[in-house]
Amino acid sequence: MSDTSSPEGNRNRNHDNEPEPVDYAGHEERTDAPDYTGTGSHSAPAESGDATDAATETPAHYPATPVGEPISYDTPATSREPATPTYVPAASVNIAPVNTTAETRRIEPGENPSEAPPAEAYAPTNTTAQPPVYIQAPTAPRYKSNRGPGVLIALLSTVIFAALYAVVAFVLSGIGSLSIADTASKFTDFIVLPIFYVPVIFFFVAFALLVLIVNRGGWWAYVLFGFLVAVVVYFSYIGAALLSVQAWNFTPDQAARFISQQWLNPGAIAAAVVAREVPIWAGAWIARNGRAVTERNAAAKAEYDRVLAAGPQGIRSN
């Protein structure tokens, strides 16, 4: 009987109440027991409240391992969880550059991609059609002429020539007349004859041709070549005189004698003098207008050159 009143006795009493250790050496656990859970013990399965703890502590899918042997935690073949795919670091993946200008070719099974023939380059055919761009070329200027205004001035000059020629003819008709009535009668007979209107017609024709030839020429051209207009008018007066006397009824000797009398006819000389003076003064007006036309043409040419130097301008069509 132990003494419980001393400290040593209390220690003995506590020691007696402790369970004795169980020696599991040489003990084999039966795996054919109905309550075997594969955890290495014969404990009964946990109740519903302890199911989560039991599942956390000991996985139910590990195979039975005899006591005393190390438990392998390798994933068994009978695992119900999907196999984790092998992770390859991104730094070890070699991504080939995409060739956007080459045609994609399918690699047949068993073919080594490195030995595949190079893909043929192709031109993309599905590009969006761009609207055409038109380049508008500058239009060359049309240089204006002085011929039209010059001919109009020549026509006005013809009226002036006819008026001056009529005044000279009236004066010549009054020479040797005894009265104004006699002078007016002679003048009336004169203006209806070809010797009046034929030189007027030839003056317009000659002066208009001179304007067409000179065009934008200076005044000197009308001063110089106005003499030719006077020559034309002079010979036209002699021809008109032949028409006035109906020279086709004359014999050749009579016609030659009549023509020789007309070379110094006052009417022919007066017509030539007036025809020489009118182109000089009318030519000054025509030449002045020609200078203005020349300046406008020069300005148009300068503008055209400026547009060419600026380059073409594009116009996109709708």
Protein backbone atom coordinates (compact mmCIF):
# COMPACT_ATOMS: atom_id res chain seq x y z
CA MET A 1 0.00 0.00 0.00
CA SER A 2 1.41 3.32 -1.06
CA ASP A 3 1.58 6.39 0.97
CA THR A 4 -0.57 9.14 -0.41
CA SER A 5 0.19 11.76 2.09
CA SER A 6 3.72 12.44 0.82
CA PRO A 7 4.66 14.02 -2.48
CA GLU A 8 6.26 10.87 -3.59
CA GLY A 9 3.11 8.96 -2.97
CA ASN A 10 1.14 11.38 -5.16
CA ARG A 11 3.51 10.88 -8.01
CA ASN A 12 3.13 7.13 -7.75
CA ARG A 13 -0.63 7.42 -7.74
CA ASN A 14 -0.65 9.56 -10.91
CA HIS A 15 1.71 7.21 -12.55
CA ASP A 16 -0.57 4.32 -11.87
CA ASN A 17 -3.49 6.03 -13.60
CA GLU A 18 -1.65 6.61 -16.92
CA PRO A 19 -2.28 4.02 -19.70
CA GLU A 20 0.51 1.72 -20.51
CA PRO A 21 2.09 2.18 -23.95
CA VAL A 22 1.04 -0.31 -26.57
CA ASP A 23 3.71 -2.00 -28.59
CA TYR A 24 2.64 -2.17 -32.24
CA ALA A 25 5.78 -3.90 -33.35
CA GLY A 26 5.00 -7.07 -35.19
CA HIS A 27 1.31 -6.19 -35.42
CA GLU A 28 -0.14 -6.48 -38.87
CA GLU A 29 -3.16 -4.55 -39.81
CA ARG A 30 -5.84 -6.47 -41.59
CA THR A 31 -7.03 -4.98 -44.81
CA ASP A 32 -9.97 -7.31 -45.22
CA ALA A 33 -11.82 -5.92 -42.25
CA PRO A 34 -15.18 -4.43 -43.05
CA ASP A 35 -14.37 -1.22 -41.26
CA TYR A 36 -11.00 -0.72 -42.88
CA THR A 37 -10.55 2.85 -44.07
CA GLY A 38 -7.08 2.70 -45.46
CA THR A 39 -5.71 5.01 -42.75
CA GLY A 40 -3.57 2.46 -41.00
CA SER A 41 -5.97 1.91 -38.07
CA HIS A 42 -9.15 -0.05 -37.25
CA SER A 43 -11.05 2.99 -36.15
CA ALA A 44 -14.59 3.28 -37.31
CA PRO A 45 -15.50 5.76 -40.03
CA ALA A 46 -16.10 9.29 -38.87
CA GLU A 47 -19.63 10.48 -38.44
CA SER A 48 -21.20 13.08 -40.67
CA GLY A 49 -20.04 15.96 -38.52
CA ASP A 50 -16.44 14.83 -38.67
CA ALA A 51 -16.42 14.00 -42.40
CA THR A 52 -14.67 17.18 -43.34
CA ASP A 53 -11.92 16.70 -40.76
CA ALA A 54 -11.43 13.10 -41.72
CA ALA A 55 -11.20 13.99 -45.40
CA THR A 56 -8.70 16.73 -44.61
CA GLU A 57 -6.50 14.60 -42.38
CA THR A 58 -6.38 11.45 -44.49
CA PRO A 59 -7.22 11.30 -48.22
CA ALA A 60 -9.56 8.48 -48.99
CA HIS A 61 -8.09 7.70 -52.41
CA TYR A 62 -4.63 6.60 -51.29
CA PRO A 63 -4.15 2.83 -51.48
CA ALA A 64 -3.69 0.78 -48.40
CA THR A 65 -0.15 0.70 -47.13
CA PRO A 66 0.97 -1.87 -44.62
CA VAL A 67 2.07 -0.57 -41.27
CA GLY A 68 5.74 -0.01 -41.06
CA GLU A 69 6.20 0.79 -44.77
CA PRO A 70 6.69 4.37 -46.04
CA ILE A 71 3.62 5.93 -47.65
CA SER A 72 4.16 7.10 -51.26
CA TYR A 73 2.40 10.31 -52.14
CA ASP A 74 2.91 9.96 -55.89
CA THR A 75 -0.25 10.47 -57.89
CA PRO A 76 -1.71 6.98 -58.35
CA ALA A 77 -3.11 5.78 -61.59
CA THR A 78 -6.53 5.50 -60.02
CA SER A 79 -6.66 9.23 -59.12
CA ARG A 80 -9.97 10.85 -59.95
CA GLU A 81 -8.49 14.33 -60.26
CA PRO A 82 -7.38 15.51 -63.75
CA ALA A 83 -3.69 15.53 -64.43
CA THR A 84 -2.06 18.92 -64.20
CA PRO A 85 -0.61 20.04 -67.61
CA THR A 86 3.10 20.49 -67.76
CA TYR A 87 3.98 24.17 -67.40
CA VAL A 88 6.55 25.54 -69.79
CA PRO A 89 8.02 28.95 -68.90
CA ALA A 90 7.30 31.67 -71.41
CA ALA A 91 10.98 32.51 -71.68
CA SER A 92 11.69 29.03 -73.08
CA VAL A 93 9.04 29.19 -75.83
CA ASN A 94 10.43 30.22 -79.20
CA ILE A 95 7.69 32.07 -81.13
CA ALA A 96 8.47 32.42 -84.80
CA PRO A 97 7.63 35.82 -86.34
CA VAL A 98 4.51 35.97 -88.44
CA ASN A 99 5.17 36.50 -92.12
CA THR A 100 2.40 38.75 -93.38
CA THR A 101 3.65 38.77 -96.96
CA ALA A 102 3.83 35.03 -97.49
CA GLU A 103 1.10 32.53 -98.12
CA THR A 104 0.25 30.24 -95.18
CA ARG A 105 0.97 26.57 -95.99
CA ARG A 106 -0.37 23.63 -94.07
CA ILE A 107 2.30 21.32 -92.65
CA GLU A 108 1.45 17.69 -93.21
CA PRO A 109 1.65 15.21 -90.32
CA GLY A 110 5.12 13.83 -89.84
CA GLU A 111 6.75 16.66 -91.75
CA ASN A 112 9.57 18.56 -90.13
CA PRO A 113 8.65 22.27 -90.14
CA SER A 114 12.31 23.24 -90.44
CA GLU A 115 12.62 21.23 -93.68
CA ALA A 116 9.41 22.55 -95.24
CA PRO A 117 9.91 24.49 -98.49
CA PRO A 118 9.68 28.25 -98.12
CA ALA A 119 6.28 29.75 -98.68
CA GLU A 120 5.85 31.67 -101.88
CA ALA A 121 5.28 35.37 -101.56
CA TYR A 122 2.02 36.67 -102.92
CA ALA A 123 0.56 40.00 -103.63
CA PRO A 124 -2.59 40.67 -101.65
CA THR A 125 -5.61 40.70 -103.92
CA ASN A 126 -8.23 41.86 -101.44
CA THR A 127 -6.92 45.37 -101.07
CA THR A 128 -9.49 48.12 -101.01
CA ALA A 129 -9.63 50.00 -104.31
CA GLN A 130 -8.58 53.58 -103.90
CA PRO A 131 -10.45 56.27 -105.80
CA PRO A 132 -8.51 57.64 -108.77
CA VAL A 133 -6.72 60.93 -108.35
CA TYR A 134 -6.82 63.24 -111.33
CA ILE A 135 -4.17 65.84 -111.93
CA GLN A 136 -5.60 68.96 -113.50
CA ALA A 137 -3.08 70.48 -115.85
CA PRO A 138 -3.18 74.25 -116.17
CA THR A 139 -4.74 75.51 -119.36
CA ALA A 140 -2.40 77.51 -121.54
CA PRO A 141 -3.65 81.04 -122.05
CA ARG A 142 -5.07 82.03 -125.40
CA TYR A 143 -3.30 85.15 -126.48
CA LYS A 144 -5.72 87.79 -127.69
CA SER A 145 -5.30 89.39 -131.04
CA ASN A 146 -5.60 93.00 -132.14
CA ARG A 147 -7.03 92.09 -135.52
CA GLY A 148 -10.69 92.29 -134.58
CA PRO A 149 -10.52 95.73 -132.94
CA GLY A 150 -8.16 96.88 -135.71
CA VAL A 151 -10.60 95.94 -138.46
CA LEU A 152 -13.40 97.79 -136.66
CA ILE A 153 -11.18 100.87 -136.44
CA ALA A 154 -10.34 100.43 -140.15
CA LEU A 155 -14.07 100.42 -140.92
CA LEU A 156 -14.53 103.62 -138.94
CA SER A 157 -11.51 105.07 -140.76
CA THR A 158 -13.16 104.23 -144.07
CA VAL A 159 -16.13 106.40 -143.11
CA ILE A 160 -13.74 109.21 -142.27
CA PHE A 161 -11.92 108.71 -145.56
CA ALA A 162 -15.20 108.86 -147.48
CA ALA A 163 -16.19 112.09 -145.70
CA LEU A 164 -12.85 113.76 -146.38
CA TYR A 165 -12.80 112.55 -149.96
CA ALA A 166 -16.32 113.97 -150.46
CA VAL A 167 -15.23 117.37 -149.10
CA VAL A 168 -12.26 117.43 -151.46
CA ALA A 169 -14.52 116.40 -154.34
CA PHE A 170 -16.96 119.20 -153.48
CA VAL A 171 -14.14 121.70 -153.54
CA LEU A 172 -12.90 120.38 -156.89
CA SER A 173 -16.45 120.56 -158.26
CA GLY A 174 -16.65 124.24 -157.30
CA ILE A 175 -13.59 125.07 -159.39
CA GLY A 176 -14.85 126.68 -162.56
CA SER A 177 -18.47 126.76 -161.38
CA LEU A 178 -20.40 130.00 -161.58
CA SER A 179 -22.77 129.31 -158.69
CA ILE A 180 -23.31 127.11 -155.69
CA ALA A 181 -26.09 125.35 -157.52
CA ASP A 182 -23.74 124.47 -160.34
CA THR A 183 -21.20 123.18 -157.79
CA ALA A 184 -23.82 121.09 -156.03
CA SER A 185 -24.98 119.66 -159.34
CA LYS A 186 -21.45 118.64 -160.28
CA PHE A 187 -20.88 117.15 -156.81
CA THR A 188 -24.11 115.16 -157.00
CA ASP A 189 -23.03 113.71 -160.31
CA PHE A 190 -19.61 112.86 -158.84
CA ILE A 191 -20.70 110.89 -155.75
CA VAL A 192 -22.85 108.50 -157.77
CA LEU A 193 -20.03 107.62 -160.14
CA PRO A 194 -17.58 104.74 -159.55
CA ILE A 195 -14.75 107.24 -159.14
CA PHE A 196 -16.20 108.00 -155.67
CA TYR A 197 -17.32 104.74 -154.13
CA VAL A 198 -14.71 102.44 -155.74
CA PRO A 199 -11.74 104.22 -154.06
CA VAL A 200 -13.69 104.07 -150.75
CA ILE A 201 -14.14 100.29 -151.11
CA PHE A 202 -10.48 99.73 -152.00
CA PHE A 203 -9.38 101.92 -149.11
CA PHE A 204 -11.20 99.68 -146.64
CA VAL A 205 -9.84 96.50 -148.23
CA ALA A 206 -6.24 97.76 -148.27
CA PHE A 207 -6.35 99.20 -144.76
CA ALA A 208 -8.00 96.06 -143.30
CA LEU A 209 -5.31 93.86 -144.87
CA LEU A 210 -2.67 96.10 -143.33
CA VAL A 211 -4.29 95.74 -139.90
CA LEU A 212 -4.44 91.94 -140.24
CA ILE A 213 -0.76 91.80 -141.15
CA VAL A 214 0.52 94.23 -138.53
CA ASN A 215 -1.80 92.97 -135.75
CA ARG A 216 -0.21 94.21 -132.48
CA GLY A 217 2.57 96.07 -134.27
CA GLY A 218 3.62 99.58 -133.43
CA TRP A 219 2.59 102.84 -134.96
CA TRP A 220 5.63 102.91 -137.21
CA ALA A 221 4.14 100.03 -139.26
CA TYR A 222 1.06 102.10 -140.13
CA VAL A 223 3.13 105.16 -140.94
CA LEU A 224 5.39 103.18 -143.23
CA PHE A 225 2.92 100.82 -144.91
CA GLY A 226 0.14 103.42 -145.09
CA PHE A 227 1.83 104.52 -148.29
CA LEU A 228 0.79 101.22 -149.90
CA VAL A 229 -2.83 101.96 -149.03
CA ALA A 230 -2.53 105.29 -150.84
CA VAL A 231 -1.09 103.56 -153.93
CA VAL A 232 -3.97 101.08 -153.98
CA VAL A 233 -6.52 103.91 -153.73
CA TYR A 234 -4.80 105.86 -156.48
CA PHE A 235 -4.95 103.00 -159.00
CA SER A 236 -8.47 102.19 -157.93
CA TYR A 237 -9.46 105.74 -158.91
CA ILE A 238 -8.03 105.27 -162.44
CA GLY A 239 -9.86 101.98 -162.80
CA ALA A 240 -13.07 103.59 -161.55
CA ALA A 241 -12.64 106.38 -164.13
CA LEU A 242 -12.51 103.75 -166.89
CA LEU A 243 -15.72 102.29 -165.53
CA SER A 244 -17.34 105.73 -165.39
CA VAL A 245 -16.77 106.43 -169.12
CA GLN A 246 -17.48 102.80 -170.14
CA ALA A 247 -14.01 102.28 -171.52
CA TRP A 248 -14.92 98.86 -172.97
CA ASN A 249 -16.50 100.85 -175.80
CA PHE A 250 -13.20 102.60 -176.55
CA THR A 251 -10.64 101.51 -178.98
CA PRO A 252 -7.27 100.62 -177.50
CA ASP A 253 -5.84 103.95 -178.62
CA GLN A 254 -8.72 105.84 -177.10
CA ALA A 255 -8.40 103.87 -173.83
CA ALA A 256 -4.65 104.50 -173.66
CA ARG A 257 -5.13 108.24 -174.32
CA PHE A 258 -7.81 108.41 -171.59
CA ILE A 259 -5.62 106.63 -169.04
CA SER A 260 -2.75 108.99 -169.76
CA GLN A 261 -5.01 111.89 -168.91
CA GLN A 262 -5.90 110.41 -165.53
CA TRP A 263 -2.39 110.15 -164.04
CA LEU A 264 -2.51 113.79 -162.96
CA ASN A 265 -6.24 113.95 -162.35
CA PRO A 266 -6.92 116.12 -159.25
CA GLY A 267 -9.48 113.62 -158.03
CA ALA A 268 -6.97 110.71 -158.16
CA ILE A 269 -4.30 112.76 -156.41
CA ALA A 270 -6.77 113.94 -153.73
CA ALA A 271 -7.96 110.39 -153.09
CA ALA A 272 -4.35 109.16 -152.70
CA VAL A 273 -3.41 111.96 -150.32
CA VAL A 274 -6.44 111.39 -148.10
CA ALA A 275 -5.78 107.62 -148.18
CA ARG A 276 -2.19 108.31 -147.07
CA GLU A 277 -3.12 110.49 -144.09
CA VAL A 278 -6.01 108.55 -142.62
CA PRO A 279 -4.01 105.34 -141.93
CA ILE A 280 -1.37 107.38 -140.09
CA TRP A 281 -3.80 108.76 -137.53
CA ALA A 282 -6.02 105.72 -137.39
CA GLY A 283 -2.90 103.56 -137.09
CA ALA A 284 -1.92 105.41 -133.93
CA TRP A 285 -5.23 104.38 -132.34
CA ILE A 286 -4.86 100.77 -133.49
CA ALA A 287 -1.26 100.59 -132.21
CA ARG A 288 -2.32 101.93 -128.80
CA ASN A 289 -4.96 99.24 -128.50
CA GLY A 290 -2.38 96.69 -129.60
CA ARG A 291 -0.07 97.66 -126.72
CA ALA A 292 -2.91 97.11 -124.24
CA VAL A 293 -3.61 93.67 -125.72
CA THR A 294 0.09 92.82 -125.49
CA GLU A 295 0.20 93.75 -121.82
CA ARG A 296 -2.84 91.58 -121.07
CA ASN A 297 -1.24 88.66 -122.89
CA ALA A 298 1.98 89.12 -120.93
CA ALA A 299 0.03 89.09 -117.65
CA ALA A 300 -1.77 85.89 -118.70
CA LYS A 301 1.56 84.28 -119.62
CA ALA A 302 3.06 85.24 -116.25
CA GLU A 303 0.09 83.73 -114.43
CA TYR A 304 0.41 80.54 -116.47
CA ASP A 305 4.12 80.26 -115.64
CA ARG A 306 3.35 80.79 -111.95
CA VAL A 307 0.80 77.97 -111.96
CA LEU A 308 3.29 75.65 -113.68
CA ALA A 309 5.96 76.50 -111.12
CA ALA A 310 3.54 75.81 -108.24
CA GLY A 311 3.11 72.23 -109.39
CA PRO A 312 0.07 70.10 -110.22
CA GLN A 313 -3.05 70.22 -108.04
CA GLY A 314 -4.91 66.99 -107.27
CA ILE A 315 -8.64 66.54 -107.45
CA ARG A 316 -10.13 63.53 -106.01
CA SER A 317 -13.06 62.28 -107.84
CA ASN A 318 -16.27 61.54 -106.02
